Every structure is written in C-alpha cells, then in structure tokens.
Amino acid sequence: NLSRVVPHGLLVFFPSFPLMEKTLEFWRANGHTDRIENRKPMFVEPKGKGAFNEVIDGYYNKVNDPASQGGSFFAVCRGKASEGLDFADTFGRGVIITGLPFPPKFDPRVILKMQFLDEMSRKKTPGVRYLSGQEWYKQQAFRAVNQAIGRVIRHKDDYGAIFLCDQRSDVGPPTISSIISGSLIVHKGWKYPRYYWVLNKNRDLEPMSVSEDASEECKASKVKQFLADMKKSLSKVSFDHIVEALQSYKKTDDLSVLLTETAVLAEDPNTHSLLRGFYQFVRPHHKTTFDEKCRKLTGQGCGYKPEHSLSKNEKKAVILQSGRKP
C-alpha cells in the first residue's frame, strides 16, 4: 500500500541482511513482491560491493523515468545505502524502517562493552557520567535509524514521509533526530507501524488518516512550527498584522481581511510557501477561494480537493455511507 501511496522513490531498511532475505523470500512465495513490482520495481542492496553500483544506478534510472511510477530500494541499516548515499528529492519521498537495528546481543564484543559501561556507571566518578550498558545498546540502534532516515531529508526544501514500524519504537522518539521529532504522529490505528513522521513542505505527499488525538497533537505542533517560521521571515509589524488578521478571521469568519494581510507573503518567492501554509487555517467553505487566490498570486495552488470543502460532519457522513469506519 505504501508503494502505491508514496510517490517516486521509496526506501525500505531492514535491521540485517538475514532478516531482509527472509522477508523477501516470504513475500515472493506469497505474491507480495509481484504487487510491489507492478507499482515500483524493486531493487535490493547486494552483500558484495561489486554489484552495488549497478543496482543503485538501476534504481536512480527507474525513479528518473517519467514513464514509471518510481522505484523501491530495499537495504539494511548500517549498510552502504543507509549511511553513505544521498536520496534527495524524488529519489526518497518515503523511508520505512521495518525494525530497530539493535546490535547482536550475544556478540562477545557487545557483551563486554555493556559490562564495562555498567561497571563504570556504578563507580560514579565525580563530574563524569557514563552511559549504562542498556543505554548504550539502545543508542546504537537509534544512531543507525537516524542515519537511515537521514537519507530522505537532504536539504532545507526536501520532504518525505518516515515510517517506524517496530513496536519497540516506543523507546525511541526522544533519541530520534530533532529534524523530525516535532512532526511525530503516533498512529494507534495501525497494527504494526507505531510511529510515522510527515515532513511535507510542499504538500505533494499527504499523510494517511490517523487517530483523532494524534492528529490534533500533530496539528498543534505543525501550527507552532509554521508560526515560528513565519516570524523569522517577516518584520515584526507584518507578522503582528497577519496574526491579528488570523485571529479576526477565527472570530468573524471574514476571509477578506486575512487575504489582504497575507498578500505580503506573495511579494517574495521565498515566502510563497508560507502563504500556501495558511490553507490549513482556512475553513472548509473558504478553501476554494483561498486556493484560487494563492494560484493567482504565486502561480501554485494549495492542493485543493473537493473533499476539503466538506465540514467534519459531512466527512463523517461520507465515510459512513462508504461503509468505512471514521
């Protein structure tokens, strides 16, 4: 399903080669790979270095092919693809972390390292704090995760979706890179994925439906970040006027005032995305008008769809009529 929803390039990282091989073997036996191949041809990271360049070039070419729907690249955390390659822009619009890559717990080196750290922690040397063995063990997994998810966001205008599918991700968000922690959505409705992030600067990639509590929490975080970005980009006078206009719109439902004050954002191409960002505050019955205004001022709309004009009750009615749960 993600290969259908995520546009262009999709990256899938496994904790290890044996797990990836076992998973792909099961998928092939049950027809899953055929369905993925029909959407996004699959490219798999090889163990040897010799064939790697050929595989990655095939993936890049498939994503660049305007006649294709993109490609999917399967690799392992701590491998060459997860730490040494750049999947900027369309080469990585989504990344899936299938499991947390903890070090092999029974490896003698891992055992000795954890024992050493536990011993140093118990000594409690003044002015020095050592990680415990367990803290170090978790840290190693999330360092590898951060490296893998960092393949998607390569510059300030890049965007994509990041999915953590391991239930043990419950221990993870505080150790996840700060570039995505503010966009965390806990998806209680899925059986397997527990967390996903939507880094969605240009609105080309829409988030899946989430639980209401998680959705509201995410909205509040996004609004806070949006206002902070706008404050950095505008003079204090312009920023204050726009905030006042937004507050007035919420009270009076008069869109004209908001359109007048936010027009300043159309003067500089660098703030066009901020103007389109106000689409999130516009009420359903004003979505069409605001989208048309943005298109006229900036040459690009806000991604309007007819369902955006439906109220909450109307959306629920449509969902119930289609036989799906809200």
Protein backbone atom coordinates (compact mmCIF):
# COMPACT_ATOMS: atom_id res chain seq x y z
CA ASN A 1 0.00 0.00 0.00
CA LEU A 2 2.84 2.41 0.77
CA SER A 3 4.39 1.69 -2.61
CA ARG A 4 1.09 2.88 -4.08
CA VAL A 5 0.71 6.00 -1.91
CA VAL A 6 4.28 7.30 -1.71
CA PRO A 7 5.32 8.98 -4.99
CA HIS A 8 8.63 8.45 -6.81
CA GLY A 9 11.32 6.73 -4.72
CA LEU A 10 10.59 4.57 -1.66
CA LEU A 11 13.35 3.29 0.64
CA VAL A 12 12.88 0.25 2.89
CA PHE A 13 15.51 -0.53 5.54
CA PHE A 14 15.82 -3.79 7.46
CA PRO A 15 17.86 -4.43 10.65
CA SER A 16 20.09 -7.03 8.93
CA PHE A 17 20.73 -8.91 5.69
CA PRO A 18 19.37 -12.25 7.04
CA LEU A 19 16.08 -10.60 8.06
CA MET A 20 15.75 -8.81 4.73
CA GLU A 21 16.44 -12.00 2.79
CA LYS A 22 13.97 -13.99 4.88
CA THR A 23 11.29 -11.34 4.46
CA LEU A 24 11.76 -11.07 0.70
CA GLU A 25 11.67 -14.86 0.41
CA PHE A 26 8.33 -14.93 2.20
CA TRP A 27 6.97 -12.08 0.06
CA ARG A 28 7.98 -13.83 -3.14
CA ALA A 29 6.33 -17.06 -2.04
CA ASN A 30 3.07 -15.23 -1.26
CA GLY A 31 2.89 -12.91 -4.26
CA HIS A 32 3.64 -9.68 -2.37
CA THR A 33 6.70 -8.82 -4.43
CA ASP A 34 4.68 -9.07 -7.64
CA ARG A 35 2.25 -6.44 -6.38
CA ILE A 36 5.09 -4.15 -5.32
CA GLU A 37 6.89 -4.66 -8.64
CA ASN A 38 3.74 -3.60 -10.51
CA ARG A 39 3.86 -0.27 -8.69
CA LYS A 40 7.52 0.34 -8.01
CA PRO A 41 10.14 -2.07 -9.39
CA MET A 42 12.23 -3.47 -6.54
CA PHE A 43 15.99 -3.03 -6.20
CA VAL A 44 17.78 -4.90 -3.41
CA GLU A 45 21.10 -3.94 -1.85
CA PRO A 46 23.62 -6.73 -2.51
CA LYS A 47 26.02 -8.02 0.14
CA GLY A 48 29.04 -7.68 -2.11
CA LYS A 49 30.45 -4.33 -3.18
CA GLY A 50 30.89 -5.33 -6.82
CA ALA A 51 27.23 -5.27 -7.87
CA PHE A 52 26.16 -2.33 -5.71
CA ASN A 53 26.78 0.44 -8.26
CA GLU A 54 24.80 -1.42 -10.90
CA VAL A 55 21.82 -1.87 -8.56
CA ILE A 56 21.75 1.71 -7.32
CA ASP A 57 22.11 3.09 -10.86
CA GLY A 58 19.13 0.95 -11.89
CA TYR A 59 17.10 2.46 -9.04
CA TYR A 60 18.07 6.05 -9.92
CA ASN A 61 17.22 5.48 -13.58
CA LYS A 62 13.82 4.00 -12.74
CA VAL A 63 12.89 6.93 -10.49
CA ASN A 64 14.01 9.37 -13.18
CA ASP A 65 11.98 7.60 -15.85
CA PRO A 66 8.89 9.79 -16.49
CA ALA A 67 7.00 6.74 -17.75
CA SER A 68 7.37 4.87 -14.44
CA GLN A 69 5.75 5.30 -11.03
CA GLY A 70 9.14 5.32 -9.37
CA GLY A 71 11.09 2.55 -7.71
CA SER A 72 11.63 0.89 -4.34
CA PHE A 73 15.05 0.25 -2.85
CA PHE A 74 15.50 -2.41 -0.16
CA ALA A 75 18.58 -2.16 2.04
CA VAL A 76 19.89 -2.71 5.56
CA CYS A 77 20.69 -0.31 8.40
CA ARG A 78 24.45 0.25 8.81
CA GLY A 79 24.87 -0.74 5.16
CA LYS A 80 26.29 1.34 2.33
CA ALA A 81 22.89 2.68 1.24
CA SER A 82 21.79 3.72 4.73
CA GLU A 83 24.91 5.68 5.65
CA GLY A 84 26.81 6.63 2.52
CA LEU A 85 24.32 7.62 -0.17
CA ASP A 86 22.17 10.65 -0.95
CA PHE A 87 18.50 10.04 -1.80
CA ALA A 88 17.49 13.67 -2.13
CA ASP A 89 14.22 14.93 -3.61
CA THR A 90 12.36 12.37 -5.75
CA PHE A 91 14.89 9.62 -5.00
CA GLY A 92 13.48 9.37 -1.48
CA ARG A 93 9.94 10.56 -0.85
CA GLY A 94 9.41 7.90 1.80
CA VAL A 95 11.54 5.69 4.04
CA ILE A 96 10.33 2.68 6.01
CA ILE A 97 12.29 1.32 8.99
CA THR A 98 10.97 -2.22 9.31
CA GLY A 99 12.71 -2.94 12.62
CA LEU A 100 15.15 -1.41 15.07
CA PRO A 101 18.75 -2.46 14.28
CA PHE A 102 19.95 -3.37 17.76
CA PRO A 103 23.48 -4.85 17.87
CA PRO A 104 23.63 -8.66 18.21
CA LYS A 105 23.14 -9.07 21.95
CA PHE A 106 25.21 -12.25 22.26
CA ASP A 107 28.18 -10.93 20.33
CA PRO A 108 31.16 -11.14 22.77
CA ARG A 109 32.21 -7.57 21.91
CA VAL A 110 28.71 -6.26 22.69
CA ILE A 111 28.58 -8.19 25.97
CA LEU A 112 31.99 -6.86 27.06
CA LYS A 113 31.10 -3.29 26.09
CA MET A 114 27.86 -3.38 28.12
CA GLN A 115 29.59 -4.95 31.11
CA PHE A 116 32.34 -2.31 31.01
CA LEU A 117 29.83 0.58 30.86
CA ASP A 118 27.76 -0.88 33.69
CA GLU A 119 30.91 -1.17 35.81
CA MET A 120 31.96 2.43 35.06
CA SER A 121 28.44 3.68 35.82
CA ARG A 122 28.47 2.04 39.24
CA LYS A 123 31.75 3.75 40.15
CA LYS A 124 30.07 7.16 39.84
CA THR A 125 33.22 9.16 39.11
CA PRO A 126 32.68 12.84 40.17
CA GLY A 127 31.94 15.06 37.16
CA VAL A 128 31.71 12.13 34.76
CA ARG A 129 28.57 10.30 33.66
CA TYR A 130 28.84 7.05 31.74
CA LEU A 131 26.02 5.51 29.78
CA SER A 132 24.76 2.27 31.24
CA GLY A 133 25.15 -0.83 29.11
CA GLN A 134 21.45 -0.78 28.24
CA GLU A 135 21.50 2.93 27.34
CA TRP A 136 24.45 2.36 25.02
CA TYR A 137 22.69 -0.63 23.47
CA LYS A 138 19.60 1.44 22.62
CA GLN A 139 21.75 4.33 21.45
CA GLN A 140 23.46 2.16 18.86
CA ALA A 141 20.12 1.16 17.36
CA PHE A 142 18.83 4.71 17.10
CA ARG A 143 22.07 6.05 15.70
CA ALA A 144 21.64 3.59 12.85
CA VAL A 145 17.96 4.59 12.49
CA ASN A 146 18.88 8.28 12.34
CA GLN A 147 21.43 7.55 9.64
CA ALA A 148 18.84 5.66 7.58
CA ILE A 149 16.04 8.22 7.88
CA GLY A 150 18.53 10.97 7.13
CA ARG A 151 18.76 9.66 3.56
CA VAL A 152 15.39 11.29 2.80
CA ILE A 153 15.82 14.86 4.06
CA ARG A 154 18.96 16.22 2.39
CA HIS A 155 18.36 19.99 2.24
CA LYS A 156 16.02 22.65 3.62
CA ASP A 157 13.43 22.28 0.84
CA ASP A 158 13.40 18.48 0.82
CA TYR A 159 10.49 16.49 2.22
CA GLY A 160 9.19 12.97 2.64
CA ALA A 161 7.43 10.52 4.93
CA ILE A 162 9.28 8.45 7.53
CA PHE A 163 7.72 5.30 8.97
CA LEU A 164 8.94 3.40 12.03
CA CYS A 165 7.21 0.03 12.02
CA ASP A 166 8.71 -1.67 15.08
CA GLN A 167 6.61 -1.64 18.26
CA ARG A 168 9.82 -1.16 20.23
CA SER A 169 9.90 2.33 18.76
CA ASP A 170 8.07 3.22 21.98
CA VAL A 171 11.52 3.73 23.47
CA GLY A 172 12.66 5.79 20.56
CA PRO A 173 11.23 9.28 19.97
CA PRO A 174 13.48 11.09 22.49
CA THR A 175 16.52 9.70 20.64
CA ILE A 176 15.26 10.38 17.12
CA SER A 177 16.85 13.23 15.18
CA SER A 178 15.47 16.65 16.14
CA ILE A 179 14.69 17.47 12.48
CA ILE A 180 11.66 15.19 12.64
CA SER A 181 10.76 14.90 16.32
CA GLY A 182 8.38 17.87 16.10
CA SER A 183 6.34 16.15 13.38
CA LEU A 184 5.81 12.86 15.22
CA ILE A 185 2.46 11.15 14.81
CA VAL A 186 1.64 8.13 16.94
CA HIS A 187 -0.62 6.04 14.74
CA LYS A 188 -2.73 3.92 17.07
CA GLY A 189 -4.90 2.62 14.25
CA TRP A 190 -2.24 0.52 12.53
CA LYS A 191 -1.49 -2.98 13.68
CA TYR A 192 2.25 -2.76 13.00
CA PRO A 193 3.64 0.74 12.38
CA ARG A 194 3.69 2.66 15.65
CA TYR A 195 5.18 5.97 14.58
CA TYR A 196 5.49 7.92 11.41
CA TRP A 197 6.61 11.41 10.54
CA VAL A 198 5.34 13.54 7.70
CA LEU A 199 7.89 16.06 6.53
CA ASN A 200 5.67 17.65 3.98
CA LYS A 201 6.90 21.10 2.96
CA ASN A 202 5.23 21.19 -0.45
CA ARG A 203 2.08 19.16 0.30
CA ASP A 204 2.78 16.72 -2.54
CA LEU A 205 2.67 13.80 -0.11
CA GLU A 206 -0.43 13.60 2.04
CA PRO A 207 -0.44 11.84 5.42
CA MET A 208 -2.63 8.77 5.92
CA SER A 209 -5.59 9.01 8.29
CA VAL A 210 -4.61 8.95 11.96
CA SER A 211 -6.40 8.70 15.27
CA GLU A 212 -8.13 11.92 16.30
CA ASP A 213 -5.99 12.53 19.39
CA ALA A 214 -2.76 12.01 17.49
CA SER A 215 -3.99 14.16 14.63
CA GLU A 216 -4.85 17.09 16.91
CA GLU A 217 -1.49 16.82 18.65
CA CYS A 218 0.30 16.85 15.32
CA LYS A 219 -1.74 19.83 14.10
CA ALA A 220 -0.80 21.87 17.18
CA SER A 221 2.87 21.08 16.65
CA LYS A 222 2.70 21.99 12.95
CA VAL A 223 0.91 25.28 13.68
CA LYS A 224 3.55 26.22 16.26
CA GLN A 225 6.37 25.48 13.83
CA PHE A 226 4.59 27.29 10.98
CA LEU A 227 4.19 30.48 13.04
CA ALA A 228 7.82 30.28 14.16
CA ASP A 229 8.97 30.01 10.52
CA MET A 230 6.78 32.94 9.52
CA LYS A 231 8.10 35.09 12.37
CA LYS A 232 11.67 34.51 11.16
CA SER A 233 10.76 35.50 7.59
CA LEU A 234 8.81 38.72 8.24
CA SER A 235 9.23 42.02 10.01
CA LYS A 236 7.60 42.29 13.41
CA VAL A 237 4.97 44.69 12.03
CA SER A 238 3.96 42.36 9.18
CA PHE A 239 3.95 39.33 11.44
CA ASP A 240 1.75 41.06 14.05
CA HIS A 241 -0.71 42.25 11.37
CA ILE A 242 -1.07 38.75 9.94
CA VAL A 243 -1.58 37.17 13.37
CA GLU A 244 -4.24 39.78 14.18
CA ALA A 245 -5.94 39.07 10.84
CA LEU A 246 -5.91 35.34 11.57
CA GLN A 247 -7.46 35.89 15.00
CA SER A 248 -10.06 38.18 13.44
CA TYR A 249 -10.89 35.54 10.83
CA LYS A 250 -11.45 32.93 13.53
CA LYS A 251 -13.90 35.26 15.28
CA THR A 252 -15.73 36.85 12.32
CA ASP A 253 -15.32 34.29 9.52
CA ASP A 254 -14.39 37.21 7.23
CA LEU A 255 -11.82 35.87 4.78
CA SER A 256 -11.20 39.19 3.04
CA VAL A 257 -9.16 40.61 5.95
CA LEU A 258 -6.94 37.54 6.04
CA LEU A 259 -6.42 37.67 2.26
CA THR A 260 -5.45 41.35 2.46
CA GLU A 261 -2.87 40.94 5.23
CA THR A 262 -1.31 37.72 3.91
CA ALA A 263 -0.83 39.22 0.43
CA VAL A 264 2.56 40.47 1.63
CA LEU A 265 3.74 36.85 1.54
CA ALA A 266 3.24 36.80 -2.24
CA GLU A 267 5.78 39.59 -2.79
CA ASP A 268 8.81 37.36 -2.17
CA PRO A 269 9.12 33.88 -3.79
CA ASN A 270 10.84 32.72 -0.60
CA THR A 271 7.61 33.27 1.36
CA HIS A 272 5.18 31.78 -1.18
CA SER A 273 5.15 28.51 0.76
CA LEU A 274 4.11 30.44 3.90
CA LEU A 275 1.15 31.94 2.05
CA ARG A 276 0.06 28.48 0.94
CA GLY A 277 0.61 27.33 4.52
CA PHE A 278 -2.37 29.46 5.62
CA TYR A 279 -4.57 26.99 3.76
CA GLN A 280 -4.54 24.87 6.95
CA PHE A 281 -6.31 27.67 8.87
CA VAL A 282 -8.96 28.37 6.25
CA ARG A 283 -12.42 26.91 6.94
CA PRO A 284 -13.91 24.38 4.50
CA HIS A 285 -16.32 26.82 2.84
CA HIS A 286 -13.40 29.16 2.04
CA LYS A 287 -10.92 26.56 0.77
CA THR A 288 -11.73 27.08 -2.93
CA THR A 289 -11.43 30.86 -2.71
CA PHE A 290 -8.12 30.75 -0.86
CA ASP A 291 -6.69 28.15 -3.24
CA GLU A 292 -7.62 30.29 -6.25
CA LYS A 293 -6.09 33.38 -4.61
CA CYS A 294 -2.81 31.54 -3.97
CA ARG A 295 -2.72 30.27 -7.52
CA LYS A 296 -3.26 33.79 -8.84
CA LEU A 297 -0.58 35.37 -6.61
CA THR A 298 2.10 32.67 -6.66
CA GLY A 299 1.34 30.53 -9.70
CA GLN A 300 0.74 27.50 -7.49
CA GLY A 301 -2.33 26.36 -5.60
CA CYS A 302 -2.61 24.73 -2.19
CA GLY A 303 -3.52 21.25 -3.36
CA TYR A 304 -7.27 21.80 -3.16
CA LYS A 305 -9.55 18.78 -3.46
CA PRO A 306 -13.37 18.80 -3.37
CA GLU A 307 -13.39 16.90 -0.05
CA HIS A 308 -11.53 19.80 1.56
CA SER A 309 -14.75 21.81 1.32
CA LEU A 310 -16.67 19.32 3.45
CA SER A 311 -17.34 20.05 7.10
CA LYS A 312 -16.41 17.48 9.78
CA ASN A 313 -19.98 16.20 9.92
CA GLU A 314 -20.18 15.96 6.13
CA LYS A 315 -16.91 13.99 6.06
CA LYS A 316 -18.21 11.58 8.70
CA ALA A 317 -21.41 11.11 6.70
CA VAL A 318 -19.42 10.30 3.55
CA ILE A 319 -17.29 7.79 5.48
CA LEU A 320 -20.34 6.11 6.98
CA GLN A 321 -22.05 5.93 3.58
CA SER A 322 -18.99 4.26 2.08
CA GLY A 323 -19.07 1.66 4.85
CA ARG A 324 -15.71 2.62 6.40
CA LYS A 325 -15.03 3.41 10.00
CA PRO A 326 -14.19 7.07 10.70
